[in-house]
Structure formats: structure tokens, C-alpha cells
């Protein structure tokens, strides 16, 4: 932050004859620390009152930082929830699937899913999302979505077998 400090210098108009005292701006560094709380959302503002640039006779402005989020390679954030998409086969969608995930805090999570997984199915794991900033002991949910890989070809024999297995009585 610039601050005026008294300095003596020779006058440029009358060199060597007079010493003048002036106030030249100088830079003063100050380290400000931001303690990022778990669960803070994009757009959260952190304000340091009166830590902006200083000018003579003017109250320094506030210094404001705004939190931004970097995209994650696995999870997407939706409020306090985390969303992950798993690629599964049609056989897994119909017969059962166990999701294996590593959480943001490094834990391994195993989620067995015994329901039939349709293209719009979503498995919700309570309390495995982002920490809630106002109550860090609570968390949002983890929502697992599915991308079902359908086969591109089936033989006549496979089609007959599927019809026999799935056909209603």
C-alpha cells in the first residue's frame, strides 16, 4: 500500500542551493491470510476493511476477494451436493452394480446398487457431499448418475435369449 514518507532531496529548480522535504509515495507490503472454510461456494466474498490503497485525506477502500471454483476431474458441485457419473454396461444396469469411489477427502467408498438402473436413475448417498459452511458437521449428498453403455450389435441368438428372459408371462 502506498504511504507517504518524508524524504529530503535537492531541488530540481535550484540545484545545490536548497534541500526540500517532500512526501513521496512508498509501497508498504502487508500479508493478508484467507482461511478458506470447507464448503464455501463460488461467489463467497471475503472482505478486509480499509486495506485498499491509501491516499492522503481519503479513507482506504475495502479489499474484497471473491471465491471461484476450479472444475474437478470426477465430481461436479450442485449446491452442497456432489454429482458423479459412472459408466456401466447394460448387464450391470439390469443385474446390479457396485460403485467404487474415492471421496474428496481421500476415503474409499463402496456403494452396492441392487435396483435396476434406468438411464434416469440416480443413487443418493446421504452425507457424502460438500460440508455445509454454516454447520460443518453436516454435509450435502453424493448423487451417483449413470451412463449406460448399450451394445451396438446383438446376434439373433442373443436377441432370442433376451426376449425369453425378459418377456412377460
N, C-alpha and C. Protein backbone atom coordinates (compact mmCIF):
# COMPACT_ATOMS: atom_id res chain seq x y z
N UNK A 1 0.84 -1.17 0.00
CA UNK A 1 0.00 0.00 0.00
C UNK A 1 0.89 1.23 0.00
N UNK A 2 0.65 2.18 -0.91
CA UNK A 2 1.47 3.39 -0.88
C UNK A 2 1.22 4.19 0.38
N UNK A 3 2.29 4.63 0.98
CA UNK A 3 2.22 5.54 2.13
C UNK A 3 3.22 6.65 1.88
N UNK A 4 2.91 7.84 2.27
CA UNK A 4 3.84 8.94 2.08
C UNK A 4 4.84 8.96 3.23
N UNK A 5 6.09 8.97 2.87
CA UNK A 5 7.17 9.02 3.86
C UNK A 5 7.98 10.28 3.58
N UNK A 6 8.34 11.04 4.62
CA UNK A 6 9.14 12.25 4.38
C UNK A 6 10.53 11.88 3.87
N UNK A 7 10.97 12.58 2.82
CA UNK A 7 12.29 12.36 2.25
C UNK A 7 12.90 13.72 1.93
N UNK A 8 14.19 13.86 2.15
CA UNK A 8 14.88 15.07 1.75
C UNK A 8 15.50 14.87 0.39
N UNK A 9 15.40 15.89 -0.47
CA UNK A 9 16.07 15.80 -1.76
C UNK A 9 16.45 17.21 -2.22
N UNK A 10 17.38 17.28 -3.11
CA UNK A 10 17.81 18.57 -3.66
C UNK A 10 16.76 19.05 -4.64
N UNK A 11 16.55 20.35 -4.65
CA UNK A 11 15.56 20.98 -5.50
C UNK A 11 16.02 20.90 -6.96
N UNK A 12 15.14 20.45 -7.85
CA UNK A 12 15.47 20.34 -9.26
C UNK A 12 15.54 21.72 -9.91
N UNK A 13 14.83 22.70 -9.34
CA UNK A 13 14.81 24.05 -9.90
C UNK A 13 16.07 24.82 -9.54
N UNK A 14 16.53 24.69 -8.30
CA UNK A 14 17.72 25.42 -7.86
C UNK A 14 18.73 24.42 -7.29
N UNK A 15 19.39 23.62 -8.16
CA UNK A 15 20.29 22.57 -7.69
C UNK A 15 21.40 23.10 -6.77
N UNK A 16 21.60 22.36 -5.70
CA UNK A 16 22.68 22.67 -4.79
C UNK A 16 22.40 23.77 -3.81
N UNK A 17 21.33 24.48 -3.92
CA UNK A 17 21.09 25.62 -3.04
C UNK A 17 20.15 25.30 -1.89
N UNK A 18 19.15 24.45 -2.14
CA UNK A 18 18.16 24.19 -1.07
C UNK A 18 17.87 22.69 -0.97
N UNK A 19 17.55 22.26 0.23
CA UNK A 19 17.03 20.92 0.46
C UNK A 19 15.54 21.05 0.73
N UNK A 20 14.78 20.25 0.06
CA UNK A 20 13.34 20.26 0.28
C UNK A 20 12.93 18.95 0.93
N UNK A 21 11.92 19.03 1.74
CA UNK A 21 11.33 17.81 2.31
C UNK A 21 10.00 17.61 1.60
N UNK A 22 9.86 16.46 1.00
CA UNK A 22 8.58 16.16 0.34
C UNK A 22 8.08 14.82 0.84
N UNK A 23 6.89 14.52 0.49
CA UNK A 23 6.30 13.24 0.86
C UNK A 23 6.06 12.46 -0.42
N UNK A 24 6.91 11.49 -0.64
CA UNK A 24 6.79 10.63 -1.82
C UNK A 24 6.06 9.35 -1.43
N UNK A 25 5.23 8.86 -2.33
CA UNK A 25 4.57 7.59 -2.02
C UNK A 25 5.58 6.44 -1.98
N UNK A 26 5.41 5.58 -1.01
CA UNK A 26 6.23 4.37 -0.93
C UNK A 26 5.28 3.18 -0.83
N UNK A 27 5.80 2.02 -1.08
CA UNK A 27 4.98 0.82 -1.00
C UNK A 27 5.26 0.10 0.31
N UNK A 28 4.18 -0.23 1.02
CA UNK A 28 4.30 -0.99 2.25
C UNK A 28 3.53 -2.29 2.01
N UNK A 29 4.21 -3.42 2.19
CA UNK A 29 3.56 -4.70 1.99
C UNK A 29 2.96 -5.21 3.29
N UNK A 30 1.81 -5.84 3.15
CA UNK A 30 1.17 -6.47 4.30
C UNK A 30 0.61 -7.80 3.81
N UNK A 31 0.86 -8.84 4.54
CA UNK A 31 0.35 -10.16 4.17
C UNK A 31 -1.01 -10.36 4.83
N UNK A 32 -2.00 -10.62 3.99
CA UNK A 32 -3.35 -10.90 4.47
C UNK A 32 -3.61 -12.38 4.24
N UNK A 33 -4.14 -13.07 5.23
CA UNK A 33 -4.37 -14.50 5.13
C UNK A 33 -5.86 -14.77 5.03
N UNK A 34 -6.22 -15.62 4.08
CA UNK A 34 -7.62 -16.03 3.93
C UNK A 34 -7.70 -17.49 4.35
N UNK A 35 -8.50 -17.77 5.35
CA UNK A 35 -8.71 -19.14 5.82
C UNK A 35 -9.96 -19.67 5.11
N UNK A 36 -9.73 -20.44 4.03
CA UNK A 36 -10.84 -20.97 3.24
C UNK A 36 -11.55 -22.06 4.05
N UNK A 37 -12.83 -21.88 4.26
CA UNK A 37 -13.62 -22.85 5.02
C UNK A 37 -14.15 -23.94 4.08
N UNK A 38 -14.17 -25.18 4.55
CA UNK A 38 -14.72 -26.25 3.72
C UNK A 38 -16.17 -25.95 3.35
N UNK A 39 -16.49 -26.17 2.09
CA UNK A 39 -17.86 -25.98 1.64
C UNK A 39 -18.18 -24.60 1.10
N UNK A 40 -17.24 -23.64 1.18
CA UNK A 40 -17.53 -22.31 0.64
C UNK A 40 -17.87 -22.43 -0.83
N UNK A 41 -18.86 -21.67 -1.26
CA UNK A 41 -19.34 -21.74 -2.64
C UNK A 41 -18.72 -20.63 -3.48
N UNK A 42 -18.78 -20.83 -4.79
CA UNK A 42 -18.35 -19.82 -5.74
C UNK A 42 -19.15 -18.55 -5.46
N UNK A 43 -18.47 -17.42 -5.42
CA UNK A 43 -19.14 -16.15 -5.17
C UNK A 43 -19.05 -15.69 -3.72
N UNK A 44 -18.56 -16.53 -2.82
CA UNK A 44 -18.38 -16.13 -1.42
C UNK A 44 -17.38 -14.98 -1.37
N UNK A 45 -17.72 -13.92 -0.64
CA UNK A 45 -16.85 -12.74 -0.57
C UNK A 45 -16.11 -12.69 0.77
N UNK A 46 -14.83 -12.38 0.70
CA UNK A 46 -14.01 -12.18 1.90
C UNK A 46 -13.55 -10.73 1.84
N UNK A 47 -13.87 -9.95 2.89
CA UNK A 47 -13.58 -8.53 2.90
C UNK A 47 -12.58 -8.19 3.99
N UNK A 48 -11.56 -7.43 3.61
CA UNK A 48 -10.61 -6.86 4.56
C UNK A 48 -10.90 -5.36 4.61
N UNK A 49 -11.58 -4.90 5.67
CA UNK A 49 -11.98 -3.50 5.73
C UNK A 49 -10.75 -2.56 5.73
N UNK A 50 -10.87 -1.52 4.92
CA UNK A 50 -9.88 -0.44 4.84
C UNK A 50 -8.46 -0.94 4.57
N UNK A 51 -8.32 -1.98 3.76
CA UNK A 51 -6.99 -2.49 3.41
C UNK A 51 -6.62 -2.17 1.96
N UNK A 52 -7.46 -1.39 1.28
CA UNK A 52 -7.17 -1.00 -0.10
C UNK A 52 -6.12 0.10 -0.15
N UNK A 53 -5.87 0.67 -1.33
CA UNK A 53 -4.87 1.73 -1.47
C UNK A 53 -5.21 2.93 -0.62
N UNK A 54 -4.16 3.54 -0.08
CA UNK A 54 -4.33 4.72 0.76
C UNK A 54 -3.98 5.97 -0.02
N UNK A 55 -4.73 7.03 0.25
CA UNK A 55 -4.44 8.36 -0.29
C UNK A 55 -4.61 9.36 0.83
N UNK A 56 -3.86 10.43 0.74
CA UNK A 56 -3.93 11.46 1.77
C UNK A 56 -5.34 12.02 1.86
N UNK A 57 -5.89 12.03 3.07
CA UNK A 57 -7.19 12.61 3.33
C UNK A 57 -8.37 11.74 2.88
N UNK A 58 -8.10 10.50 2.46
CA UNK A 58 -9.17 9.61 2.00
C UNK A 58 -9.09 8.30 2.79
N UNK A 59 -10.23 7.83 3.26
CA UNK A 59 -10.25 6.55 3.98
C UNK A 59 -9.99 5.45 2.96
N UNK A 60 -9.07 4.53 3.26
CA UNK A 60 -8.78 3.44 2.31
C UNK A 60 -10.01 2.59 2.04
N UNK A 61 -10.11 2.12 0.83
CA UNK A 61 -11.25 1.28 0.47
C UNK A 61 -11.07 -0.12 1.04
N UNK A 62 -12.16 -0.88 1.02
CA UNK A 62 -12.09 -2.27 1.46
C UNK A 62 -11.43 -3.10 0.36
N UNK A 63 -10.72 -4.13 0.77
CA UNK A 63 -10.13 -5.08 -0.17
C UNK A 63 -11.03 -6.31 -0.15
N UNK A 64 -11.58 -6.71 -1.32
CA UNK A 64 -12.56 -7.79 -1.39
C UNK A 64 -12.05 -8.89 -2.32
N UNK A 65 -12.06 -10.13 -1.82
CA UNK A 65 -11.73 -11.30 -2.62
C UNK A 65 -13.02 -12.09 -2.82
N UNK A 66 -13.19 -12.65 -4.02
CA UNK A 66 -14.37 -13.45 -4.32
C UNK A 66 -13.91 -14.86 -4.69
N UNK A 67 -14.48 -15.85 -3.99
CA UNK A 67 -14.11 -17.25 -4.20
C UNK A 67 -14.60 -17.73 -5.57
N UNK A 68 -13.73 -18.44 -6.27
CA UNK A 68 -14.08 -19.09 -7.52
C UNK A 68 -13.82 -20.59 -7.34
N UNK A 69 -14.39 -21.40 -8.19
CA UNK A 69 -14.19 -22.85 -8.10
C UNK A 69 -13.49 -23.35 -9.35
N UNK A 70 -12.56 -24.29 -9.14
CA UNK A 70 -11.93 -24.95 -10.26
C UNK A 70 -12.72 -26.23 -10.54
N UNK A 71 -12.91 -26.57 -11.81
CA UNK A 71 -13.61 -27.82 -12.10
C UNK A 71 -12.81 -29.01 -11.58
N UNK A 72 -13.52 -30.02 -11.12
CA UNK A 72 -12.89 -31.25 -10.63
C UNK A 72 -12.98 -32.30 -11.73
N UNK A 73 -12.02 -33.20 -11.79
CA UNK A 73 -11.99 -34.21 -12.85
C UNK A 73 -13.06 -35.29 -12.67
N UNK A 74 -13.59 -35.47 -11.46
CA UNK A 74 -14.55 -36.54 -11.20
C UNK A 74 -15.91 -35.99 -10.76
N UNK A 75 -15.90 -35.04 -9.83
CA UNK A 75 -17.13 -34.56 -9.22
C UNK A 75 -17.56 -33.21 -9.79
N UNK A 76 -18.88 -33.02 -9.81
CA UNK A 76 -19.46 -31.73 -10.16
C UNK A 76 -20.26 -31.28 -8.95
N UNK A 77 -20.22 -30.00 -8.65
CA UNK A 77 -20.93 -29.49 -7.48
C UNK A 77 -22.30 -28.95 -7.88
N UNK A 78 -23.30 -29.25 -7.06
CA UNK A 78 -24.65 -28.69 -7.22
C UNK A 78 -25.10 -28.26 -5.83
N UNK A 79 -24.87 -27.01 -5.48
CA UNK A 79 -25.15 -26.53 -4.12
C UNK A 79 -24.21 -27.24 -3.16
N UNK A 80 -24.77 -27.95 -2.19
CA UNK A 80 -23.95 -28.73 -1.25
C UNK A 80 -23.81 -30.19 -1.67
N UNK A 81 -24.44 -30.55 -2.78
CA UNK A 81 -24.35 -31.93 -3.28
C UNK A 81 -23.18 -32.07 -4.24
N UNK A 82 -22.65 -33.29 -4.31
CA UNK A 82 -21.65 -33.64 -5.30
C UNK A 82 -22.27 -34.64 -6.25
N UNK A 83 -22.00 -34.49 -7.54
CA UNK A 83 -22.55 -35.40 -8.55
C UNK A 83 -21.39 -36.09 -9.25
N UNK A 84 -21.51 -37.40 -9.41
CA UNK A 84 -20.52 -38.18 -10.14
C UNK A 84 -21.29 -39.06 -11.12
N UNK A 85 -20.71 -39.27 -12.31
CA UNK A 85 -21.34 -40.13 -13.30
C UNK A 85 -20.47 -41.36 -13.50
N UNK A 86 -21.09 -42.53 -13.42
CA UNK A 86 -20.39 -43.81 -13.60
C UNK A 86 -20.82 -44.42 -14.93
N UNK A 87 -19.87 -44.95 -15.69
CA UNK A 87 -20.18 -45.67 -16.92
C UNK A 87 -20.37 -47.14 -16.57
N UNK A 88 -21.51 -47.68 -16.97
CA UNK A 88 -21.79 -49.09 -16.67
C UNK A 88 -22.36 -49.77 -17.91
N UNK A 89 -22.28 -51.09 -17.93
CA UNK A 89 -22.83 -51.85 -19.05
C UNK A 89 -24.32 -52.08 -18.84
N UNK A 90 -24.99 -52.48 -19.90
CA UNK A 90 -26.41 -52.80 -19.80
C UNK A 90 -26.64 -53.97 -18.84
N UNK A 91 -25.74 -54.94 -18.87
CA UNK A 91 -25.85 -56.09 -17.95
C UNK A 91 -25.78 -55.60 -16.50
N UNK A 92 -24.83 -54.70 -16.19
CA UNK A 92 -24.73 -54.17 -14.82
C UNK A 92 -25.97 -53.37 -14.46
N UNK A 93 -26.51 -52.62 -15.41
CA UNK A 93 -27.71 -51.82 -15.16
C UNK A 93 -28.90 -52.71 -14.80
N UNK A 94 -28.96 -53.90 -15.39
CA UNK A 94 -30.10 -54.80 -15.16
C UNK A 94 -29.89 -55.76 -13.99
N UNK A 95 -28.63 -56.08 -13.70
CA UNK A 95 -28.38 -57.14 -12.70
C UNK A 95 -27.75 -56.65 -11.40
N UNK A 96 -27.29 -55.42 -11.35
CA UNK A 96 -26.66 -54.90 -10.13
C UNK A 96 -25.27 -54.39 -10.41
N UNK A 97 -24.85 -53.44 -9.59
CA UNK A 97 -23.56 -52.78 -9.80
C UNK A 97 -23.05 -52.28 -8.46
N UNK A 98 -21.74 -52.30 -8.28
CA UNK A 98 -21.14 -51.74 -7.08
C UNK A 98 -20.24 -50.58 -7.50
N UNK A 99 -20.60 -49.37 -7.07
CA UNK A 99 -19.81 -48.18 -7.39
C UNK A 99 -18.64 -48.09 -6.42
N UNK A 100 -17.45 -47.90 -6.95
CA UNK A 100 -16.23 -47.72 -6.15
C UNK A 100 -15.77 -46.28 -6.39
N UNK A 101 -15.72 -45.48 -5.33
CA UNK A 101 -15.35 -44.07 -5.46
C UNK A 101 -14.31 -43.68 -4.43
N UNK A 102 -13.47 -42.73 -4.78
CA UNK A 102 -12.57 -42.10 -3.80
C UNK A 102 -13.15 -40.71 -3.53
N UNK A 103 -13.46 -40.43 -2.28
CA UNK A 103 -14.08 -39.16 -1.91
C UNK A 103 -13.05 -38.03 -1.99
N UNK A 104 -13.52 -36.79 -1.90
CA UNK A 104 -12.62 -35.64 -1.97
C UNK A 104 -11.62 -35.63 -0.82
N UNK A 105 -12.00 -36.22 0.32
CA UNK A 105 -11.07 -36.27 1.46
C UNK A 105 -10.26 -37.57 1.48
N UNK A 106 -10.25 -38.33 0.35
CA UNK A 106 -9.36 -39.47 0.20
C UNK A 106 -9.87 -40.82 0.68
N UNK A 107 -11.11 -40.88 1.17
CA UNK A 107 -11.65 -42.16 1.62
C UNK A 107 -12.15 -42.97 0.43
N UNK A 108 -12.08 -44.30 0.55
CA UNK A 108 -12.65 -45.18 -0.48
C UNK A 108 -14.08 -45.52 -0.08
N UNK A 109 -14.99 -45.33 -1.01
CA UNK A 109 -16.40 -45.53 -0.75
C UNK A 109 -16.92 -46.63 -1.68
N UNK A 110 -17.60 -47.61 -1.10
CA UNK A 110 -18.20 -48.70 -1.87
C UNK A 110 -19.71 -48.59 -1.72
N UNK A 111 -20.41 -48.47 -2.86
CA UNK A 111 -21.86 -48.30 -2.83
C UNK A 111 -22.50 -49.40 -3.67
N UNK A 112 -23.04 -50.45 -3.01
CA UNK A 112 -23.73 -51.50 -3.78
C UNK A 112 -25.10 -51.02 -4.23
N UNK A 113 -25.43 -51.27 -5.50
CA UNK A 113 -26.73 -50.86 -6.05
C UNK A 113 -27.41 -52.11 -6.59
N UNK A 114 -28.52 -52.47 -5.96
CA UNK A 114 -29.24 -53.68 -6.35
C UNK A 114 -30.50 -53.39 -7.15
N UNK A 115 -30.86 -52.12 -7.28
CA UNK A 115 -32.02 -51.74 -8.08
C UNK A 115 -31.66 -51.83 -9.56
N UNK A 116 -32.69 -51.91 -10.41
CA UNK A 116 -32.46 -51.80 -11.85
C UNK A 116 -32.13 -50.34 -12.13
N UNK A 117 -31.07 -50.13 -12.87
CA UNK A 117 -30.60 -48.78 -13.15
C UNK A 117 -31.08 -48.36 -14.53
N UNK A 118 -32.03 -47.44 -14.55
CA UNK A 118 -32.53 -46.89 -15.82
C UNK A 118 -31.67 -45.69 -16.20
N UNK A 119 -31.81 -45.19 -17.43
CA UNK A 119 -30.98 -44.03 -17.82
C UNK A 119 -31.18 -42.79 -16.93
N UNK A 120 -32.32 -42.67 -16.27
CA UNK A 120 -32.56 -41.51 -15.41
C UNK A 120 -32.36 -41.81 -13.92
N UNK A 121 -31.97 -43.04 -13.60
CA UNK A 121 -31.81 -43.46 -12.19
C UNK A 121 -30.65 -42.68 -11.55
N UNK A 122 -30.84 -42.36 -10.29
CA UNK A 122 -29.81 -41.65 -9.52
C UNK A 122 -29.75 -42.27 -8.13
N UNK A 123 -28.56 -42.71 -7.73
CA UNK A 123 -28.37 -43.26 -6.37
C UNK A 123 -27.89 -42.11 -5.48
N UNK A 124 -28.55 -41.90 -4.35
CA UNK A 124 -28.19 -40.81 -3.44
C UNK A 124 -27.56 -41.40 -2.19
N UNK A 125 -26.35 -40.94 -1.88
CA UNK A 125 -25.65 -41.34 -0.67
C UNK A 125 -25.66 -40.14 0.26
N UNK A 126 -26.46 -40.23 1.32
CA UNK A 126 -26.62 -39.09 2.23
C UNK A 126 -25.33 -38.77 2.99
N UNK A 127 -25.06 -37.48 3.15
CA UNK A 127 -23.94 -37.03 3.97
C UNK A 127 -22.56 -37.21 3.36
N UNK A 128 -22.45 -37.46 2.05
CA UNK A 128 -21.14 -37.63 1.41
C UNK A 128 -20.84 -36.51 0.41
N UNK A 129 -21.59 -35.41 0.52
CA UNK A 129 -21.35 -34.26 -0.36
C UNK A 129 -20.42 -33.25 0.27
N UNK A 130 -20.61 -31.98 -0.07
CA UNK A 130 -19.76 -30.90 0.44
C UNK A 130 -20.19 -30.52 1.86
N UNK A 131 -19.22 -30.11 2.70
CA UNK A 131 -19.58 -29.62 4.03
C UNK A 131 -20.47 -28.38 3.92
N UNK A 132 -21.41 -28.27 4.83
CA UNK A 132 -22.29 -27.10 4.84
C UNK A 132 -21.59 -26.03 5.68
N UNK A 133 -21.24 -24.87 5.06
CA UNK A 133 -20.41 -23.88 5.75
C UNK A 133 -20.94 -23.41 7.10
N UNK A 134 -22.25 -23.27 7.22
CA UNK A 134 -22.81 -22.78 8.49
C UNK A 134 -22.87 -23.86 9.56
N UNK A 135 -22.75 -25.13 9.16
CA UNK A 135 -22.72 -26.24 10.10
C UNK A 135 -21.81 -27.33 9.53
N UNK A 136 -20.47 -27.18 9.68
CA UNK A 136 -19.52 -28.11 9.06
C UNK A 136 -19.65 -29.56 9.50
N UNK A 137 -20.42 -29.83 10.56
CA UNK A 137 -20.62 -31.22 10.97
C UNK A 137 -21.61 -31.92 10.03
N UNK A 138 -22.32 -31.15 9.20
CA UNK A 138 -23.28 -31.71 8.25
C UNK A 138 -22.73 -31.55 6.84
N UNK A 139 -23.14 -32.48 5.96
CA UNK A 139 -22.72 -32.43 4.57
C UNK A 139 -23.92 -32.63 3.66
N UNK A 140 -23.76 -32.17 2.42
CA UNK A 140 -24.75 -32.44 1.40
C UNK A 140 -24.68 -33.91 1.01
N UNK A 141 -25.32 -34.25 -0.09
CA UNK A 141 -25.37 -35.65 -0.53
C UNK A 141 -24.46 -35.88 -1.73
N UNK A 142 -24.09 -37.14 -1.91
CA UNK A 142 -23.40 -37.58 -3.11
C UNK A 142 -24.47 -38.20 -4.01
N UNK A 143 -24.57 -37.70 -5.24
CA UNK A 143 -25.55 -38.22 -6.19
C UNK A 143 -24.80 -38.92 -7.31
N UNK A 144 -25.07 -40.22 -7.45
CA UNK A 144 -24.40 -41.01 -8.48
C UNK A 144 -25.37 -41.17 -9.65
N UNK A 145 -24.93 -40.68 -10.81
CA UNK A 145 -25.71 -40.83 -12.04
C UNK A 145 -25.02 -41.86 -12.91
N UNK A 146 -25.73 -42.35 -13.92
CA UNK A 146 -25.19 -43.45 -14.71
C UNK A 146 -25.27 -43.17 -16.20
N UNK A 147 -24.19 -43.58 -16.87
CA UNK A 147 -24.14 -43.56 -18.32
C UNK A 147 -24.10 -45.03 -18.73
N UNK A 148 -25.22 -45.52 -19.23
CA UNK A 148 -25.34 -46.95 -19.55
C UNK A 148 -24.87 -47.19 -20.99
N UNK A 149 -23.89 -48.07 -21.11
CA UNK A 149 -23.36 -48.43 -22.44
C UNK A 149 -24.23 -49.56 -23.01
N UNK A 150 -24.95 -49.25 -24.06
CA UNK A 150 -25.77 -50.26 -24.72
C UNK A 150 -24.93 -50.95 -25.79
N UNK A 151 -25.19 -52.24 -26.02
CA UNK A 151 -24.45 -52.93 -27.08
C UNK A 151 -24.83 -52.35 -28.44
N UNK A 152 -23.89 -52.37 -29.37
CA UNK A 152 -24.17 -51.86 -30.71
C UNK A 152 -24.73 -52.95 -31.62
N UNK A 153 -24.47 -54.20 -31.27
CA UNK A 153 -24.97 -55.34 -32.08
C UNK A 153 -25.37 -56.48 -31.16
N UNK A 154 -26.37 -57.23 -31.60
CA UNK A 154 -26.76 -58.47 -30.94
C UNK A 154 -27.00 -59.51 -32.01
N UNK A 155 -26.58 -60.73 -31.73
CA UNK A 155 -26.85 -61.81 -32.67
C UNK A 155 -28.32 -62.22 -32.53
N UNK A 156 -28.80 -62.95 -33.49
CA UNK A 156 -30.18 -63.43 -33.43
C UNK A 156 -30.38 -64.30 -32.20
N UNK A 157 -29.37 -65.09 -31.88
CA UNK A 157 -29.44 -65.97 -30.70
C UNK A 157 -29.53 -65.15 -29.41
N UNK A 158 -28.73 -64.07 -29.32
CA UNK A 158 -28.76 -63.20 -28.14
C UNK A 158 -30.13 -62.53 -28.01
N UNK A 159 -30.66 -62.07 -29.11
CA UNK A 159 -31.98 -61.41 -29.10
C UNK A 159 -33.06 -62.38 -28.60
N UNK A 160 -33.01 -63.62 -29.11
CA UNK A 160 -33.98 -64.63 -28.68
C UNK A 160 -33.82 -64.91 -27.19
N UNK A 161 -32.58 -65.03 -26.73
CA UNK A 161 -32.33 -65.29 -25.30
C UNK A 161 -32.83 -64.15 -24.42
N UNK A 162 -32.61 -62.93 -24.84
CA UNK A 162 -33.08 -61.77 -24.06
C UNK A 162 -34.60 -61.74 -24.03
N UNK A 163 -35.22 -61.97 -25.16
CA UNK A 163 -36.69 -61.99 -25.20
C UNK A 163 -37.26 -63.05 -24.27
N UNK A 164 -36.63 -64.23 -24.29
CA UNK A 164 -37.11 -65.34 -23.44
C UNK A 164 -36.95 -64.96 -21.95
N UNK A 165 -35.82 -64.33 -21.59
CA UNK A 165 -35.57 -63.97 -20.19
C UNK A 165 -36.46 -62.83 -19.71
N UNK A 166 -36.69 -61.86 -20.57
CA UNK A 166 -37.38 -60.64 -20.14
C UNK A 166 -38.86 -60.67 -20.45
N UNK A 167 -39.28 -61.46 -21.40
CA UNK A 167 -40.70 -61.45 -21.82
C UNK A 167 -41.61 -61.68 -20.63
N UNK A 168 -42.69 -60.93 -20.63
CA UNK A 168 -43.65 -61.08 -19.53
C UNK A 168 -44.48 -62.34 -19.73
N UNK A 169 -44.90 -63.01 -18.63
CA UNK A 169 -45.63 -64.29 -18.70
C UNK A 169 -47.00 -64.15 -19.30
